[in-house]
Amino acid sequence: MTRTRTYFVSDTHLGLDVKDPAARERRFVDFLKGIPAEETETLYLLGDIWDFWYEWRDVVPKGYTRVFAALQDLMDAGVRVCFFEGNHDIWSYSYFESLGMVRMTQPAVIEIGGKRFCIGHGDGLGEGDRGYKMLRAFFHCRTAQVLFSMLHPWFAFRLGNNWSKHSRLAKSEKYAFRGKDERLYKFCESFPEPVDYFIFGHYHCKVDMPVGSARLLILDDWMDGSDWLCYTPEEGITRK
């Protein structure tokens, strides 16, 4: 059977102690198990799959056994699983690759079924937002990573999870995407290569709008439900 399906998912924020984290993880596992492996070429994880992730040389976060088992089942069945770092699971080093996943860097331009896609998590793209970009650069700083790795995991994960609870995911209101005024829209509008689809996460809201002759789609988070995209050359983009 020809593999014609490509899936995109983002911002499940596994482990975030907001609303019902166990139900959120079950929904994600059900999604993974529901992917028809024999028809699927690639699953793209567009970042913030984990709400906080940090791995030491010999230590990774506990739990998520069913998630990793479902991902491994897909890869064993021949599905390529690619992942991007989000701003919450930025500190991944080699564990995902050791399982067989493929690390990608945003913005990545790929071709699927004759169409060109620009994909990634979506954070920090476009001009401006200097404060966030400085913070992101700090998180990527090797010195900061080494210093953080010196913390005992018991303390480190509590520090990281407490930081996450102050994010907008812990707030009741949804982010209102500002359309053509958003930095991400302007980034897509001025993108130097021809693209048919821009697909990102990060903003925690559903967006589907034109950018010139292209189409910008933003995936919602999984706090109250689920959201993913599937592309096939026959049907184009479909959304759950």
Protein backbone atom coordinates (compact mmCIF):
# COMPACT_ATOMS: atom_id res chain seq x y z
CA MET A 1 0.00 0.00 0.00
CA THR A 2 1.28 3.47 -0.93
CA ARG A 3 2.01 5.76 2.01
CA THR A 4 0.28 9.06 1.19
CA ARG A 5 -0.62 10.45 4.64
CA THR A 6 1.37 13.05 6.55
CA TYR A 7 0.34 14.17 10.05
CA PHE A 8 1.15 17.34 12.00
CA VAL A 9 0.55 17.86 15.71
CA SER A 10 1.78 20.36 18.30
CA ASP A 11 1.39 21.67 21.85
CA THR A 12 0.05 18.66 23.73
CA HIS A 13 2.05 19.89 26.76
CA LEU A 14 2.25 16.49 28.37
CA GLY A 15 2.95 16.74 32.09
CA LEU A 16 1.47 20.19 32.62
CA ASP A 17 -0.59 20.02 35.80
CA VAL A 18 -3.46 22.10 34.44
CA LYS A 19 -6.98 20.77 33.90
CA ASP A 20 -6.71 16.98 33.38
CA PRO A 21 -3.16 15.94 32.38
CA ALA A 22 -3.99 12.21 32.45
CA ALA A 23 -6.92 12.66 30.07
CA ARG A 24 -4.77 14.84 27.81
CA GLU A 25 -2.14 12.11 27.61
CA ARG A 26 -4.80 9.48 26.86
CA ARG A 27 -6.17 11.61 24.01
CA PHE A 28 -2.70 11.93 22.54
CA VAL A 29 -2.02 8.20 22.80
CA ASP A 30 -5.40 7.50 21.17
CA PHE A 31 -4.44 9.84 18.35
CA LEU A 32 -1.12 8.07 17.83
CA LYS A 33 -2.74 4.65 17.89
CA GLY A 34 -5.37 5.86 15.43
CA ILE A 35 -2.83 6.81 12.76
CA PRO A 36 -3.05 4.22 9.95
CA ALA A 37 0.61 3.27 9.88
CA GLU A 38 0.44 1.38 6.59
CA GLU A 39 -0.86 4.55 4.87
CA THR A 40 1.35 7.09 6.65
CA GLU A 41 4.75 8.31 5.58
CA THR A 42 5.61 10.88 8.27
CA LEU A 43 4.37 12.24 11.58
CA TYR A 44 5.66 15.71 12.42
CA LEU A 45 5.75 16.70 16.10
CA LEU A 46 5.92 20.49 15.95
CA GLY A 47 7.13 21.21 19.47
CA ASP A 48 5.86 21.50 23.04
CA ILE A 49 4.76 17.88 23.02
CA TRP A 50 6.17 17.86 26.54
CA ASP A 51 5.48 20.80 28.81
CA PHE A 52 8.92 20.55 30.38
CA TRP A 53 11.69 18.30 29.17
CA TYR A 54 15.26 18.12 30.34
CA GLU A 55 17.54 15.15 29.91
CA TRP A 56 20.83 14.46 31.62
CA ARG A 57 23.36 12.01 30.23
CA ASP A 58 21.80 9.16 32.22
CA VAL A 59 18.43 10.57 33.30
CA VAL A 60 15.26 11.48 31.39
CA PRO A 61 11.81 12.45 32.73
CA LYS A 62 9.83 9.55 34.15
CA GLY A 63 6.48 8.48 32.77
CA TYR A 64 5.00 8.79 29.27
CA THR A 65 5.45 5.04 28.75
CA ARG A 66 2.33 4.71 26.60
CA VAL A 67 3.31 7.75 24.52
CA PHE A 68 6.74 6.38 23.73
CA ALA A 69 5.30 2.91 23.10
CA ALA A 70 2.80 4.32 20.60
CA LEU A 71 5.52 6.34 18.85
CA GLN A 72 7.77 3.28 18.75
CA ASP A 73 4.97 1.19 17.26
CA LEU A 74 4.57 3.74 14.47
CA MET A 75 8.29 3.79 13.73
CA ASP A 76 8.46 -0.01 13.82
CA ALA A 77 5.68 -0.02 11.23
CA GLY A 78 7.73 2.22 8.94
CA VAL A 79 6.37 5.68 9.83
CA ARG A 80 9.01 8.40 9.96
CA VAL A 81 8.62 10.49 13.15
CA CYS A 82 10.22 13.95 13.05
CA PHE A 83 10.28 16.44 15.90
CA PHE A 84 10.99 20.10 16.47
CA GLU A 85 11.94 21.66 19.77
CA GLY A 86 9.30 23.94 21.20
CA ASN A 87 9.92 26.60 23.81
CA HIS A 88 8.87 24.17 26.58
CA ASP A 89 10.73 21.04 25.50
CA ILE A 90 13.80 22.88 24.29
CA TRP A 91 16.32 20.86 26.31
CA SER A 92 16.31 17.60 24.41
CA TYR A 93 19.69 16.30 23.39
CA SER A 94 19.85 12.72 22.12
CA TYR A 95 17.16 10.60 23.75
CA PHE A 96 14.54 11.11 21.05
CA GLU A 97 17.08 10.30 18.35
CA SER A 98 18.06 7.14 20.23
CA LEU A 99 14.45 6.00 19.84
CA GLY A 100 14.60 6.57 16.09
CA MET A 101 13.06 10.03 15.78
CA VAL A 102 14.52 12.66 13.46
CA ARG A 103 15.38 16.11 14.82
CA MET A 104 14.50 19.10 12.63
CA THR A 105 15.19 22.82 12.91
CA GLN A 106 12.65 25.51 12.13
CA PRO A 107 11.78 26.89 9.71
CA ALA A 108 12.08 23.71 7.66
CA VAL A 109 10.97 23.67 4.03
CA ILE A 110 9.90 20.24 2.84
CA GLU A 111 8.13 18.86 -0.20
CA ILE A 112 5.22 16.45 0.17
CA GLY A 113 3.21 15.17 -2.75
CA GLY A 114 4.37 17.99 -5.02
CA LYS A 115 3.53 20.73 -2.50
CA ARG A 116 6.00 22.82 -0.51
CA PHE A 117 5.57 23.18 3.25
CA CYS A 118 7.30 25.52 5.68
CA ILE A 119 6.93 24.05 9.18
CA GLY A 120 8.20 24.43 12.73
CA HIS A 121 7.04 25.33 16.21
CA GLY A 122 6.57 28.99 15.33
CA ASP A 123 8.18 30.72 18.31
CA GLY A 124 10.68 33.47 17.65
CA LEU A 125 10.02 33.69 13.91
CA GLY A 126 9.75 37.12 12.39
CA GLU A 127 11.18 40.46 13.43
CA GLY A 128 10.82 41.94 16.89
CA ASP A 129 10.11 40.22 20.23
CA ARG A 130 13.69 40.85 21.30
CA GLY A 131 13.03 39.93 24.94
CA TYR A 132 11.80 36.45 24.06
CA LYS A 133 14.61 35.87 21.59
CA MET A 134 17.19 36.81 24.23
CA LEU A 135 15.58 34.36 26.67
CA ARG A 136 15.56 31.64 24.01
CA ALA A 137 19.23 32.29 23.25
CA PHE A 138 19.97 31.99 26.97
CA PHE A 139 18.22 28.61 27.12
CA HIS A 140 20.38 27.48 24.19
CA CYS A 141 23.55 28.75 25.88
CA ARG A 142 25.84 25.83 26.67
CA THR A 143 26.98 27.42 29.94
CA ALA A 144 23.38 27.76 31.16
CA GLN A 145 22.68 24.16 30.20
CA VAL A 146 25.73 22.89 32.07
CA LEU A 147 24.80 24.88 35.17
CA PHE A 148 21.22 23.60 35.07
CA SER A 149 22.41 20.02 34.65
CA MET A 150 24.25 20.36 37.96
CA LEU A 151 20.91 20.61 39.76
CA HIS A 152 19.46 17.46 41.24
CA PRO A 153 16.61 16.21 38.98
CA TRP A 154 14.15 16.35 41.92
CA PHE A 155 14.70 20.10 42.21
CA ALA A 156 15.21 20.79 38.51
CA PHE A 157 11.89 19.33 37.42
CA ARG A 158 9.99 21.13 40.15
CA LEU A 159 11.62 24.38 39.12
CA GLY A 160 10.80 23.76 35.45
CA ASN A 161 7.23 22.65 36.07
CA ASN A 162 6.57 25.61 38.35
CA TRP A 163 7.84 27.94 35.60
CA SER A 164 5.43 26.31 33.13
CA LYS A 165 2.45 26.85 35.38
CA HIS A 166 2.92 30.61 34.94
CA SER A 167 2.59 30.36 31.16
CA ARG A 168 -0.54 31.42 29.30
CA LEU A 169 -1.67 27.79 29.25
CA ALA A 170 -2.59 28.18 32.91
CA LYS A 171 -4.87 31.10 32.05
CA SER A 172 -8.51 30.75 31.11
CA GLU A 173 -8.58 33.03 28.08
CA LYS A 174 -7.40 31.87 24.65
CA TYR A 175 -4.87 33.85 22.67
CA ALA A 176 -6.46 35.99 19.97
CA PHE A 177 -4.34 35.71 16.84
CA ARG A 178 -4.02 39.18 15.32
CA GLY A 179 -4.05 38.11 11.70
CA LYS A 180 -1.94 40.25 9.40
CA ASP A 181 -0.55 42.17 12.40
CA GLU A 182 1.16 39.09 13.83
CA ARG A 183 4.92 38.70 13.49
CA LEU A 184 4.39 35.15 12.25
CA TYR A 185 2.09 36.31 9.47
CA LYS A 186 4.63 38.92 8.38
CA PHE A 187 7.35 36.27 8.49
CA CYS A 188 5.30 34.08 6.14
CA GLU A 189 4.40 37.01 3.91
CA SER A 190 8.08 37.89 3.39
CA PHE A 191 9.35 34.30 3.17
CA PRO A 192 11.94 34.20 0.35
CA GLU A 193 10.93 30.82 -1.12
CA PRO A 194 7.68 29.74 -2.78
CA VAL A 195 5.55 27.79 -0.29
CA ASP A 196 2.08 26.28 -0.49
CA TYR A 197 1.49 25.71 3.23
CA PHE A 198 2.89 27.25 6.41
CA ILE A 199 2.18 25.05 9.45
CA PHE A 200 3.11 26.00 13.02
CA GLY A 201 2.02 25.63 16.63
CA HIS A 202 2.95 27.76 19.67
CA TYR A 203 0.06 30.24 19.57
CA HIS A 204 -2.51 27.88 21.16
CA CYS A 205 -5.31 28.79 18.80
CA LYS A 206 -6.70 27.51 15.53
CA VAL A 207 -5.75 29.60 12.52
CA ASP A 208 -6.42 28.96 8.85
CA MET A 209 -5.87 31.97 6.62
CA PRO A 210 -4.34 32.88 3.27
CA VAL A 211 -0.89 34.44 2.97
CA GLY A 212 -0.70 35.55 -0.63
CA SER A 213 -1.13 32.36 -2.66
CA ALA A 214 -0.13 30.21 0.33
CA ARG A 215 -2.09 29.07 3.36
CA LEU A 216 -1.14 29.59 7.01
CA LEU A 217 -2.36 26.98 9.50
CA ILE A 218 -1.68 27.10 13.23
CA LEU A 219 -2.43 24.15 15.47
CA ASP A 220 -4.29 24.59 18.73
CA ASP A 221 -3.15 23.15 22.06
CA TRP A 222 -4.67 20.05 23.69
CA MET A 223 -5.89 21.57 26.95
CA ASP A 224 -9.58 20.99 26.23
CA GLY A 225 -9.57 18.73 23.21
CA SER A 226 -7.30 17.73 20.38
CA ASP A 227 -6.12 19.26 17.12
CA TRP A 228 -4.09 17.81 14.30
CA LEU A 229 -3.70 18.10 10.55
CA CYS A 230 -3.46 15.39 7.94
CA TYR A 231 -2.26 15.96 4.39
CA THR A 232 -2.76 13.70 1.40
CA PRO A 233 -2.16 14.66 -2.24
CA GLU A 234 -5.75 13.62 -3.04
CA GLU A 235 -7.55 15.57 -0.28
CA GLY A 236 -5.06 18.26 0.62
CA ILE A 237 -5.13 19.40 4.25
CA THR A 238 -7.84 18.05 6.56
CA ARG A 239 -8.23 19.05 10.20
CA LYS A 240 -9.57 17.11 13.14
